[in-house]
Amino acid sequence: MAQMGKRAEILKRFGQRVRELRKEQGYSQESLGAACELDRTYIGGIERGERNVSLENIKGIADSLGITLAQLMEGL
């Protein structure tokens, strides 16, 4: 059970990080989704910590934000 809580926590922290960077750069969920070829609702799910995002999609988000994977993961 504790492991599931840890998994949920990292998803929430990752989602908060994506939201923070998206807003800093002036993207809406829809425009970020379009930039990285993901649906707006999927971006919302990521930001709420509901999605376990694939590495390919994480890379796409980082590229769309113009940052490295390390920068995207900073502070997690």
PDB file of N, CA and C in Angstrom:
ATOM      1  N   MET A   1       0.817  -1.201   0.000  1.00  0.00           N
ATOM      2  CA  MET A   1       0.000   0.000   0.000  1.00  0.00           C
ATOM      3  C   MET A   1       0.857   1.260   0.000  1.00  0.00           C
ATOM      4  N   ALA A   2       1.929   1.265   0.762  1.00  0.00           N
ATOM      5  CA  ALA A   2       2.791   2.440   0.829  1.00  0.00           C
ATOM      6  C   ALA A   2       3.399   2.731  -0.533  1.00  0.00           C
ATOM      7  N   GLN A   3       3.701   1.679  -1.298  1.00  0.00           N
ATOM      8  CA  GLN A   3       4.277   1.864  -2.636  1.00  0.00           C
ATOM      9  C   GLN A   3       3.298   2.585  -3.545  1.00  0.00           C
ATOM     10  N   MET A   4       2.019   2.273  -3.457  1.00  0.00           N
ATOM     11  CA  MET A   4       1.015   2.936  -4.288  1.00  0.00           C
ATOM     12  C   MET A   4       0.934   4.416  -3.949  1.00  0.00           C
ATOM     13  N   GLY A   5       1.068   4.742  -2.669  1.00  0.00           N
ATOM     14  CA  GLY A   5       1.056   6.137  -2.256  1.00  0.00           C
ATOM     15  C   GLY A   5       2.246   6.897  -2.810  1.00  0.00           C
ATOM     16  N   LYS A   6       3.406   6.254  -2.849  1.00  0.00           N
ATOM     17  CA  LYS A   6       4.600   6.877  -3.413  1.00  0.00           C
ATOM     18  C   LYS A   6       4.428   7.123  -4.901  1.00  0.00           C
ATOM     19  N   ARG A   7       3.821   6.164  -5.601  1.00  0.00           N
ATOM     20  CA  ARG A   7       3.579   6.322  -7.038  1.00  0.00           C
ATOM     21  C   ARG A   7       2.634   7.482  -7.300  1.00  0.00           C
ATOM     22  N   ALA A   8       1.577   7.553  -6.523  1.00  0.00           N
ATOM     23  CA  ALA A   8       0.606   8.636  -6.695  1.00  0.00           C
ATOM     24  C   ALA A   8       1.255   9.988  -6.415  1.00  0.00           C
ATOM     25  N   GLU A   9       2.115  10.042  -5.424  1.00  0.00           N
ATOM     26  CA  GLU A   9       2.770  11.299  -5.066  1.00  0.00           C
ATOM     27  C   GLU A   9       3.678  11.796  -6.187  1.00  0.00           C
ATOM     28  N   ILE A  10       4.441  10.920  -6.827  1.00  0.00           N
ATOM     29  CA  ILE A  10       5.328  11.352  -7.906  1.00  0.00           C
ATOM     30  C   ILE A  10       4.514  11.830  -9.107  1.00  0.00           C
ATOM     31  N   LEU A  11       3.384  11.200  -9.358  1.00  0.00           N
ATOM     32  CA  LEU A  11       2.526  11.644 -10.459  1.00  0.00           C
ATOM     33  C   LEU A  11       1.983  13.045 -10.181  1.00  0.00           C
ATOM     34  N   LYS A  12       1.589  13.293  -8.954  1.00  0.00           N
ATOM     35  CA  LYS A  12       1.085  14.622  -8.579  1.00  0.00           C
ATOM     36  C   LYS A  12       2.181  15.674  -8.679  1.00  0.00           C
ATOM     37  N   ARG A  13       3.374  15.340  -8.200  1.00  0.00           N
ATOM     38  CA  ARG A  13       4.482  16.299  -8.256  1.00  0.00           C
ATOM     39  C   ARG A  13       4.887  16.584  -9.693  1.00  0.00           C
ATOM     40  N   PHE A  14       4.902  15.547 -10.532  1.00  0.00           N
ATOM     41  CA  PHE A  14       5.219  15.751 -11.940  1.00  0.00           C
ATOM     42  C   PHE A  14       4.160  16.639 -12.587  1.00  0.00           C
ATOM     43  N   GLY A  15       2.909  16.376 -12.296  1.00  0.00           N
ATOM     44  CA  GLY A  15       1.827  17.185 -12.846  1.00  0.00           C
ATOM     45  C   GLY A  15       1.910  18.637 -12.421  1.00  0.00           C
ATOM     46  N   GLN A  16       2.244  18.870 -11.170  1.00  0.00           N
ATOM     47  CA  GLN A  16       2.401  20.243 -10.684  1.00  0.00           C
ATOM     48  C   GLN A  16       3.548  20.935 -11.411  1.00  0.00           C
ATOM     49  N   ARG A  17       4.617  20.183 -11.657  1.00  0.00           N
ATOM     50  CA  ARG A  17       5.775  20.748 -12.364  1.00  0.00           C
ATOM     51  C   ARG A  17       5.404  21.112 -13.799  1.00  0.00           C
ATOM     52  N   VAL A  18       4.680  20.255 -14.481  1.00  0.00           N
ATOM     53  CA  VAL A  18       4.237  20.545 -15.846  1.00  0.00           C
ATOM     54  C   VAL A  18       3.347  21.785 -15.843  1.00  0.00           C
ATOM     55  N   ARG A  19       2.398  21.864 -14.911  1.00  0.00           N
ATOM     56  CA  ARG A  19       1.498  23.015 -14.835  1.00  0.00           C
ATOM     57  C   ARG A  19       2.284  24.304 -14.595  1.00  0.00           C
ATOM     58  N   GLU A  20       3.222  24.252 -13.665  1.00  0.00           N
ATOM     59  CA  GLU A  20       4.041  25.427 -13.339  1.00  0.00           C
ATOM     60  C   GLU A  20       4.800  25.922 -14.571  1.00  0.00           C
ATOM     61  N   LEU A  21       5.462  25.018 -15.278  1.00  0.00           N
ATOM     62  CA  LEU A  21       6.243  25.404 -16.460  1.00  0.00           C
ATOM     63  C   LEU A  21       5.341  25.868 -17.598  1.00  0.00           C
ATOM     64  N   ARG A  22       4.206  25.193 -17.765  1.00  0.00           N
ATOM     65  CA  ARG A  22       3.256  25.582 -18.820  1.00  0.00           C
ATOM     66  C   ARG A  22       2.780  27.010 -18.607  1.00  0.00           C
ATOM     67  N   LYS A  23       2.393  27.317 -17.382  1.00  0.00           N
ATOM     68  CA  LYS A  23       1.884  28.651 -17.081  1.00  0.00           C
ATOM     69  C   LYS A  23       2.979  29.710 -17.202  1.00  0.00           C
ATOM     70  N   GLU A  24       4.201  29.379 -16.746  1.00  0.00           N
ATOM     71  CA  GLU A  24       5.322  30.317 -16.866  1.00  0.00           C
ATOM     72  C   GLU A  24       5.551  30.725 -18.310  1.00  0.00           C
ATOM     73  N   GLN A  25       5.321  29.784 -19.222  1.00  0.00           N
ATOM     74  CA  GLN A  25       5.573  30.043 -20.636  1.00  0.00           C
ATOM     75  C   GLN A  25       4.335  30.545 -21.376  1.00  0.00           C
ATOM     76  N   GLY A  26       3.240  30.686 -20.668  1.00  0.00           N
ATOM     77  CA  GLY A  26       2.037  31.257 -21.266  1.00  0.00           C
ATOM     78  C   GLY A  26       1.230  30.300 -22.124  1.00  0.00           C
ATOM     79  N   TYR A  27       1.461  29.010 -21.971  1.00  0.00           N
ATOM     80  CA  TYR A  27       0.680  28.024 -22.712  1.00  0.00           C
ATOM     81  C   TYR A  27      -0.633  27.748 -21.995  1.00  0.00           C
ATOM     82  N   SER A  28      -1.681  27.516 -22.757  1.00  0.00           N
ATOM     83  CA  SER A  28      -2.900  26.918 -22.218  1.00  0.00           C
ATOM     84  C   SER A  28      -2.699  25.403 -22.295  1.00  0.00           C
ATOM     85  N   GLN A  29      -3.559  24.657 -21.648  1.00  0.00           N
ATOM     86  CA  GLN A  29      -3.462  23.203 -21.779  1.00  0.00           C
ATOM     87  C   GLN A  29      -3.642  22.799 -23.240  1.00  0.00           C
ATOM     88  N   GLU A  30      -4.541  23.472 -23.915  1.00  0.00           N
ATOM     89  CA  GLU A  30      -4.813  23.158 -25.314  1.00  0.00           C
ATOM     90  C   GLU A  30      -3.606  23.455 -26.202  1.00  0.00           C
ATOM     91  N   SER A  31      -2.969  24.611 -25.996  1.00  0.00           N
ATOM     92  CA  SER A  31      -1.832  24.949 -26.855  1.00  0.00           C
ATOM     93  C   SER A  31      -0.616  24.076 -26.564  1.00  0.00           C
ATOM     94  N   LEU A  32      -0.391  23.708 -25.308  1.00  0.00           N
ATOM     95  CA  LEU A  32       0.703  22.792 -24.996  1.00  0.00           C
ATOM     96  C   LEU A  32       0.414  21.424 -25.601  1.00  0.00           C
ATOM     97  N   GLY A  33      -0.819  20.968 -25.458  1.00  0.00           N
ATOM     98  CA  GLY A  33      -1.194  19.685 -26.048  1.00  0.00           C
ATOM     99  C   GLY A  33      -0.958  19.665 -27.548  1.00  0.00           C
ATOM    100  N   ALA A  34      -1.334  20.739 -28.219  1.00  0.00           N
ATOM    101  CA  ALA A  34      -1.122  20.818 -29.666  1.00  0.00           C
ATOM    102  C   ALA A  34       0.369  20.798 -29.998  1.00  0.00           C
ATOM    103  N   ALA A  35       1.166  21.502 -29.215  1.00  0.00           N
ATOM    104  CA  ALA A  35       2.609  21.574 -29.470  1.00  0.00           C
ATOM    105  C   ALA A  35       3.278  20.209 -29.325  1.00  0.00           C
ATOM    106  N   CYS A  36       2.808  19.388 -28.384  1.00  0.00           N
ATOM    107  CA  CYS A  36       3.445  18.081 -28.185  1.00  0.00           C
ATOM    108  C   CYS A  36       2.564  16.926 -28.682  1.00  0.00           C
ATOM    109  N   GLU A  37       1.540  17.261 -29.471  1.00  0.00           N
ATOM    110  CA  GLU A  37       0.659  16.288 -30.111  1.00  0.00           C
ATOM    111  C   GLU A  37      -0.045  15.378 -29.105  1.00  0.00           C
ATOM    112  N   LEU A  38      -0.533  16.005 -28.028  1.00  0.00           N
ATOM    113  CA  LEU A  38      -1.336  15.312 -27.025  1.00  0.00           C
ATOM    114  C   LEU A  38      -2.645  16.065 -26.854  1.00  0.00           C
ATOM    115  N   ASP A  39      -3.688  15.366 -26.497  1.00  0.00           N
ATOM    116  CA  ASP A  39      -4.984  16.010 -26.298  1.00  0.00           C
ATOM    117  C   ASP A  39      -4.970  16.890 -25.042  1.00  0.00           C
ATOM    118  N   ARG A  40      -5.734  17.964 -25.076  1.00  0.00           N
ATOM    119  CA  ARG A  40      -5.857  18.871 -23.932  1.00  0.00           C
ATOM    120  C   ARG A  40      -6.296  18.131 -22.675  1.00  0.00           C
ATOM    121  N   THR A  41      -7.206  17.190 -22.833  1.00  0.00           N
ATOM    122  CA  THR A  41      -7.686  16.453 -21.662  1.00  0.00           C
ATOM    123  C   THR A  41      -6.587  15.564 -21.075  1.00  0.00           C
ATOM    124  N   TYR A  42      -5.689  15.090 -21.911  1.00  0.00           N
ATOM    125  CA  TYR A  42      -4.558  14.287 -21.436  1.00  0.00           C
ATOM    126  C   TYR A  42      -3.608  15.175 -20.633  1.00  0.00           C
ATOM    127  N   ILE A  43      -3.348  16.400 -21.121  1.00  0.00           N
ATOM    128  CA  ILE A  43      -2.507  17.348 -20.384  1.00  0.00           C
ATOM    129  C   ILE A  43      -3.142  17.637 -19.025  1.00  0.00           C
ATOM    130  N   GLY A  44      -4.443  17.847 -19.003  1.00  0.00           N
ATOM    131  CA  GLY A  44      -5.147  18.073 -17.736  1.00  0.00           C
ATOM    132  C   GLY A  44      -4.992  16.903 -16.785  1.00  0.00           C
ATOM    133  N   GLY A  45      -5.091  15.685 -17.310  1.00  0.00           N
ATOM    134  CA  GLY A  45      -4.918  14.495 -16.491  1.00  0.00           C
ATOM    135  C   GLY A  45      -3.511  14.379 -15.924  1.00  0.00           C
ATOM    136  N   ILE A  46      -2.532  14.765 -16.724  1.00  0.00           N
ATOM    137  CA  ILE A  46      -1.147  14.782 -16.245  1.00  0.00           C
ATOM    138  C   ILE A  46      -1.027  15.768 -15.090  1.00  0.00           C
ATOM    139  N   GLU A  47      -1.541  16.960 -15.294  1.00  0.00           N
ATOM    140  CA  GLU A  47      -1.418  18.009 -14.285  1.00  0.00           C
ATOM    141  C   GLU A  47      -2.143  17.664 -12.980  1.00  0.00           C
ATOM    142  N   ARG A  48      -3.184  16.873 -13.057  1.00  0.00           N
ATOM    143  CA  ARG A  48      -3.908  16.448 -11.850  1.00  0.00           C
ATOM    144  C   ARG A  48      -3.300  15.198 -11.226  1.00  0.00           C
ATOM    145  N   GLY A  49      -2.261  14.644 -11.846  1.00  0.00           N
ATOM    146  CA  GLY A  49      -1.618  13.449 -11.320  1.00  0.00           C
ATOM    147  C   GLY A  49      -2.395  12.180 -11.595  1.00  0.00           C
ATOM    148  N   GLU A  50      -3.234  12.198 -12.613  1.00  0.00           N
ATOM    149  CA  GLU A  50      -4.076  11.046 -12.940  1.00  0.00           C
ATOM    150  C   GLU A  50      -3.464  10.144 -14.007  1.00  0.00           C
ATOM    151  N   ARG A  51      -2.438  10.618 -14.676  1.00  0.00           N
ATOM    152  CA  ARG A  51      -1.839   9.874 -15.788  1.00  0.00           C
ATOM    153  C   ARG A  51      -0.423   9.443 -15.462  1.00  0.00           C
ATOM    154  N   ASN A  52      -0.118   8.189 -15.774  1.00  0.00           N
ATOM    155  CA  ASN A  52       1.237   7.683 -15.674  1.00  0.00           C
ATOM    156  C   ASN A  52       1.835   7.840 -17.073  1.00  0.00           C
ATOM    157  N   VAL A  53       2.575   8.890 -17.283  1.00  0.00           N
ATOM    158  CA  VAL A  53       2.990   9.348 -18.608  1.00  0.00           C
ATOM    159  C   VAL A  53       4.165   8.522 -19.128  1.00  0.00           C
ATOM    160  N   SER A  54       4.104   8.172 -20.409  1.00  0.00           N
ATOM    161  CA  SER A  54       5.209   7.431 -21.022  1.00  0.00           C
ATOM    162  C   SER A  54       6.421   8.344 -21.202  1.00  0.00           C
ATOM    163  N   LEU A  55       7.573   7.731 -21.297  1.00  0.00           N
ATOM    164  CA  LEU A  55       8.806   8.482 -21.497  1.00  0.00           C
ATOM    165  C   LEU A  55       8.770   9.272 -22.802  1.00  0.00           C
ATOM    166  N   GLU A  56       8.170   8.708 -23.840  1.00  0.00           N
ATOM    167  CA  GLU A  56       8.048   9.424 -25.113  1.00  0.00           C
ATOM    168  C   GLU A  56       7.239  10.708 -24.941  1.00  0.00           C
ATOM    169  N   ASN A  57       6.155  10.639 -24.188  1.00  0.00           N
ATOM    170  CA  ASN A  57       5.326  11.819 -23.973  1.00  0.00           C
ATOM    171  C   ASN A  57       6.015  12.824 -23.060  1.00  0.00           C
ATOM    172  N   ILE A  58       6.773  12.339 -22.076  1.00  0.00           N
ATOM    173  CA  ILE A  58       7.531  13.248 -21.215  1.00  0.00           C
ATOM    174  C   ILE A  58       8.549  14.015 -22.049  1.00  0.00           C
ATOM    175  N   LYS A  59       9.233  13.311 -22.946  1.00  0.00           N
ATOM    176  CA  LYS A  59      10.207  13.953 -23.835  1.00  0.00           C
ATOM    177  C   LYS A  59       9.517  14.973 -24.732  1.00  0.00           C
ATOM    178  N   GLY A  60       8.348  14.636 -25.245  1.00  0.00           N
ATOM    179  CA  GLY A  60       7.595  15.565 -26.087  1.00  0.00           C
ATOM    180  C   GLY A  60       7.188  16.825 -25.341  1.00  0.00           C
ATOM    181  N   ILE A  61       6.796  16.676 -24.086  1.00  0.00           N
ATOM    182  CA  ILE A  61       6.434  17.828 -23.259  1.00  0.00           C
ATOM    183  C   ILE A  61       7.658  18.709 -23.036  1.00  0.00           C
ATOM    184  N   ALA A  62       8.782  18.096 -22.670  1.00  0.00           N
ATOM    185  CA  ALA A  62      10.011  18.862 -22.446  1.00  0.00           C
ATOM    186  C   ALA A  62      10.419  19.608 -23.713  1.00  0.00           C
ATOM    187  N   ASP A  63      10.404  18.918 -24.848  1.00  0.00           N
ATOM    188  CA  ASP A  63      10.768  19.560 -26.117  1.00  0.00           C
ATOM    189  C   ASP A  63       9.840  20.727 -26.433  1.00  0.00           C
ATOM    190  N   SER A  64       8.551  20.542 -26.219  1.00  0.00           N
ATOM    191  CA  SER A  64       7.577  21.596 -26.501  1.00  0.00           C
ATOM    192  C   SER A  64       7.759  22.806 -25.595  1.00  0.00           C
ATOM    193  N   LEU A  65       8.224  22.553 -24.382  1.00  0.00           N
ATOM    194  CA  LEU A  65       8.496  23.651 -23.445  1.00  0.00           C
ATOM    195  C   LEU A  65       9.888  24.259 -23.671  1.00  0.00           C
ATOM    196  N   GLY A  66      10.672  23.632 -24.551  1.00  0.00           N
ATOM    197  CA  GLY A  66      12.003  24.131 -24.859  1.00  0.00           C
ATOM    198  C   GLY A  66      13.008  23.918 -23.731  1.00  0.00           C
ATOM    199  N   ILE A  67      12.822  22.823 -22.993  1.00  0.00           N
ATOM    200  CA  ILE A  67      13.713  22.522 -21.863  1.00  0.00           C
ATOM    201  C   ILE A  67      14.201  21.080 -21.975  1.00  0.00           C
ATOM    202  N   THR A  68      15.216  20.744 -21.189  1.00  0.00           N
ATOM    203  CA  THR A  68      15.723  19.371 -21.169  1.00  0.00           C
ATOM    204  C   THR A  68      14.869  18.525 -20.246  1.00  0.00           C
ATOM    205  N   LEU A  69      15.045  17.217 -20.368  1.00  0.00           N
ATOM    206  CA  LEU A  69      14.359  16.300 -19.453  1.00  0.00           C
ATOM    207  C   LEU A  69      14.778  16.591 -18.009  1.00  0.00           C
ATOM    208  N   ALA A  70      16.064  16.875 -17.816  1.00  0.00           N
ATOM    209  CA  ALA A  70      16.557  17.164 -16.461  1.00  0.00           C
ATOM    210  C   ALA A  70      15.869  18.406 -15.888  1.00  0.00           C
ATOM    211  N   GLN A  71      15.678  19.414 -16.716  1.00  0.00           N
ATOM    212  CA  GLN A  71      15.012  20.628 -16.241  1.00  0.00           C
ATOM    213  C   GLN A  71      13.547  20.343 -15.908  1.00  0.00           C
ATOM    214  N   LEU A  72      12.899  19.515 -16.710  1.00  0.00           N
ATOM    215  CA  LEU A  72      11.508  19.163 -16.448  1.00  0.00           C
ATOM    216  C   LEU A  72      11.374  18.405 -15.127  1.00  0.00           C
ATOM    217  N   MET A  73      12.340  17.556 -14.844  1.00  0.00           N
ATOM    218  CA  MET A  73      12.283  16.725 -13.639  1.00  0.00           C
ATOM    219  C   MET A  73      12.848  17.422 -12.396  1.00  0.00           C
ATOM    220  N   GLU A  74      13.375  18.595 -12.570  1.00  0.00           N
ATOM    221  CA  GLU A  74      14.002  19.325 -11.452  1.00  0.00           C
ATOM    222  C   GLU A  74      13.040  19.479 -10.274  1.00  0.00           C
ATOM    223  N   GLY A  75      13.508  19.105  -9.106  1.00  0.00           N
ATOM    224  CA  GLY A  75      12.723  19.283  -7.889  1.00  0.00           C
ATOM    225  C   GLY A  75      11.777  18.153  -7.560  1.00  0.00           C
ATOM    226  N   LEU A  76      11.705  17.137  -8.416  1.00  0.00           N
ATOM    227  CA  LEU A  76      10.796  16.034  -8.129  1.00  0.00           C
ATOM    228  C   LEU A  76      11.410  15.122  -7.102  1.00  0.00           C
TER     229      LEU A  76
END
